[in-house]
Amino acid sequence: MKRALAAAASIALMSASLASANTDIAIDDVPENVLDTAIRTAPGVTFDRVSIEEENGVLVYEFEATDHAGRHIEIDVAEDGELLVFTHGLSS
């Protein structure tokens, strides 16, 4: 509960300055419901980067990772936990 309240406070402060630009954030600053969606979408991967941006008045969290086969993964999750994008690319 403390983590959720701290994350909500951090997001409220960040959202005022975000506009539409991607801003990298720490995984610990991602709301639990958003992180749960990302983990369920790509179980077993470690996220290399998380960023946040505002799209049409909604905060969107973008997760990036590389799977065990070397393929790029991108997952976009809305602030309410809805999965918006799941891209599982080819290996480089």
C-alpha atoms as a PDB file:
ATOM      1  CA  MET A   1       0.000   0.000   0.000  1.00  0.00           C
ATOM      2  CA  LYS A   2       2.841   2.392   0.864  1.00  0.00           C
ATOM      3  CA  ARG A   3       4.451   1.606  -2.497  1.00  0.00           C
ATOM      4  CA  ALA A   4       1.224   2.377  -4.351  1.00  0.00           C
ATOM      5  CA  LEU A   5       0.774   5.689  -2.525  1.00  0.00           C
ATOM      6  CA  ALA A   6       4.385   6.704  -3.136  1.00  0.00           C
ATOM      7  CA  ALA A   7       4.096   5.778  -6.811  1.00  0.00           C
ATOM      8  CA  ALA A   8       0.856   7.734  -7.159  1.00  0.00           C
ATOM      9  CA  ALA A   9       2.449  10.802  -5.587  1.00  0.00           C
ATOM     10  CA  SER A  10       5.499  10.506  -7.856  1.00  0.00           C
ATOM     11  CA  ILE A  11       3.320  10.138 -10.923  1.00  0.00           C
ATOM     12  CA  ALA A  12       1.178  13.119  -9.988  1.00  0.00           C
ATOM     13  CA  LEU A  13       4.301  15.256  -9.707  1.00  0.00           C
ATOM     14  CA  MET A  14       5.780  13.883 -12.931  1.00  0.00           C
ATOM     15  CA  SER A  15       2.594  14.183 -14.963  1.00  0.00           C
ATOM     16  CA  ALA A  16       2.539  17.933 -14.527  1.00  0.00           C
ATOM     17  CA  SER A  17       5.882  18.198 -16.324  1.00  0.00           C
ATOM     18  CA  LEU A  18       5.581  15.393 -18.867  1.00  0.00           C
ATOM     19  CA  ALA A  19       3.453  16.752 -21.746  1.00  0.00           C
ATOM     20  CA  SER A  20       3.964  14.201 -24.520  1.00  0.00           C
ATOM     21  CA  ALA A  21       7.697  13.465 -24.234  1.00  0.00           C
ATOM     22  CA  ASN A  22       8.987  10.057 -23.115  1.00  0.00           C
ATOM     23  CA  THR A  23      10.580  10.269 -19.678  1.00  0.00           C
ATOM     24  CA  ASP A  24      12.561   7.342 -18.285  1.00  0.00           C
ATOM     25  CA  ILE A  25      11.481   6.207 -14.828  1.00  0.00           C
ATOM     26  CA  ALA A  26      12.624   3.593 -12.325  1.00  0.00           C
ATOM     27  CA  ILE A  27      10.760   0.295 -12.274  1.00  0.00           C
ATOM     28  CA  ASP A  28       9.984   0.989  -8.592  1.00  0.00           C
ATOM     29  CA  ASP A  29       7.972   4.060  -9.672  1.00  0.00           C
ATOM     30  CA  VAL A  30       5.603   2.022 -11.869  1.00  0.00           C
ATOM     31  CA  PRO A  31       2.151   1.448 -10.325  1.00  0.00           C
ATOM     32  CA  GLU A  32       1.578  -2.155  -9.302  1.00  0.00           C
ATOM     33  CA  ASN A  33      -1.379  -2.725 -11.656  1.00  0.00           C
ATOM     34  CA  VAL A  34       0.655  -1.463 -14.630  1.00  0.00           C
ATOM     35  CA  LEU A  35       3.691  -3.581 -13.739  1.00  0.00           C
ATOM     36  CA  ASP A  36       1.477  -6.669 -13.258  1.00  0.00           C
ATOM     37  CA  THR A  37       0.117  -6.258 -16.809  1.00  0.00           C
ATOM     38  CA  ALA A  38       3.620  -5.975 -18.266  1.00  0.00           C
ATOM     39  CA  ILE A  39       4.858  -9.027 -16.356  1.00  0.00           C
ATOM     40  CA  ARG A  40       1.823 -11.115 -17.401  1.00  0.00           C
ATOM     41  CA  THR A  41       2.354 -10.058 -21.023  1.00  0.00           C
ATOM     42  CA  ALA A  42       6.033 -11.075 -21.118  1.00  0.00           C
ATOM     43  CA  PRO A  43       6.720 -13.436 -18.216  1.00  0.00           C
ATOM     44  CA  GLY A  44      10.325 -14.195 -17.410  1.00  0.00           C
ATOM     45  CA  VAL A  45      11.935 -11.152 -19.049  1.00  0.00           C
ATOM     46  CA  THR A  46      13.792  -8.386 -17.270  1.00  0.00           C
ATOM     47  CA  PHE A  47      12.755  -4.946 -18.381  1.00  0.00           C
ATOM     48  CA  ASP A  48      15.720  -2.899 -19.611  1.00  0.00           C
ATOM     49  CA  ARG A  49      13.899   0.419 -19.757  1.00  0.00           C
ATOM     50  CA  VAL A  50      10.619   1.927 -18.602  1.00  0.00           C
ATOM     51  CA  SER A  51       9.391   5.302 -19.748  1.00  0.00           C
ATOM     52  CA  ILE A  52       6.208   7.253 -19.288  1.00  0.00           C
ATOM     53  CA  GLU A  53       4.400   9.693 -21.518  1.00  0.00           C
ATOM     54  CA  GLU A  54       1.011  11.312 -21.774  1.00  0.00           C
ATOM     55  CA  GLU A  55      -1.096  10.370 -24.800  1.00  0.00           C
ATOM     56  CA  ASN A  56      -4.503  12.001 -25.221  1.00  0.00           C
ATOM     57  CA  GLY A  57      -4.659  12.795 -21.504  1.00  0.00           C
ATOM     58  CA  VAL A  58      -3.722   9.247 -20.413  1.00  0.00           C
ATOM     59  CA  LEU A  59      -0.395   8.246 -18.866  1.00  0.00           C
ATOM     60  CA  VAL A  60       1.184   5.414 -20.855  1.00  0.00           C
ATOM     61  CA  TYR A  61       4.039   3.289 -19.540  1.00  0.00           C
ATOM     62  CA  GLU A  62       6.379   1.852 -22.170  1.00  0.00           C
ATOM     63  CA  PHE A  63       8.412  -1.195 -21.180  1.00  0.00           C
ATOM     64  CA  GLU A  64      11.344  -2.446 -23.242  1.00  0.00           C
ATOM     65  CA  ALA A  65      13.135  -5.752 -22.871  1.00  0.00           C
ATOM     66  CA  THR A  66      15.015  -8.418 -24.771  1.00  0.00           C
ATOM     67  CA  ASP A  67      13.752 -11.981 -24.571  1.00  0.00           C
ATOM     68  CA  HIS A  68      15.958 -15.057 -24.144  1.00  0.00           C
ATOM     69  CA  ALA A  69      16.267 -15.408 -27.951  1.00  0.00           C
ATOM     70  CA  GLY A  70      17.535 -11.832 -28.328  1.00  0.00           C
ATOM     71  CA  ARG A  71      14.276 -10.400 -29.698  1.00  0.00           C
ATOM     72  CA  HIS A  72      13.208  -6.869 -28.747  1.00  0.00           C
ATOM     73  CA  ILE A  73       9.991  -6.585 -26.759  1.00  0.00           C
ATOM     74  CA  GLU A  74       7.948  -3.430 -26.303  1.00  0.00           C
ATOM     75  CA  ILE A  75       4.878  -3.273 -24.101  1.00  0.00           C
ATOM     76  CA  ASP A  76       2.712  -0.175 -23.641  1.00  0.00           C
ATOM     77  CA  VAL A  77       0.318  -0.151 -20.689  1.00  0.00           C
ATOM     78  CA  ALA A  78      -2.186   2.579 -19.782  1.00  0.00           C
ATOM     79  CA  GLU A  79      -2.272   3.939 -16.246  1.00  0.00           C
ATOM     80  CA  ASP A  80      -5.397   1.848 -15.539  1.00  0.00           C
ATOM     81  CA  GLY A  81      -3.484  -1.367 -16.367  1.00  0.00           C
ATOM     82  CA  GLU A  82      -4.925  -1.870 -19.866  1.00  0.00           C
ATOM     83  CA  LEU A  83      -2.516  -3.433 -22.349  1.00  0.00           C
ATOM     84  CA  LEU A  84      -2.241  -1.092 -25.344  1.00  0.00           C
ATOM     85  CA  VAL A  85       0.673  -2.480 -27.395  1.00  0.00           C
ATOM     86  CA  PHE A  86       2.701  -5.686 -27.366  1.00  0.00           C
ATOM     87  CA  THR A  87       5.450  -5.877 -29.956  1.00  0.00           C
ATOM     88  CA  HIS A  88       7.737  -8.887 -30.066  1.00  0.00           C
ATOM     89  CA  GLY A  89      10.326  -8.130 -32.730  1.00  0.00           C
ATOM     90  CA  LEU A  90      12.883 -10.144 -34.609  1.00  0.00           C
ATOM     91  CA  SER A  91      16.344 -10.817 -33.230  1.00  0.00           C
ATOM     92  CA  SER A  92      19.119  -8.550 -34.384  1.00  0.00           C
END
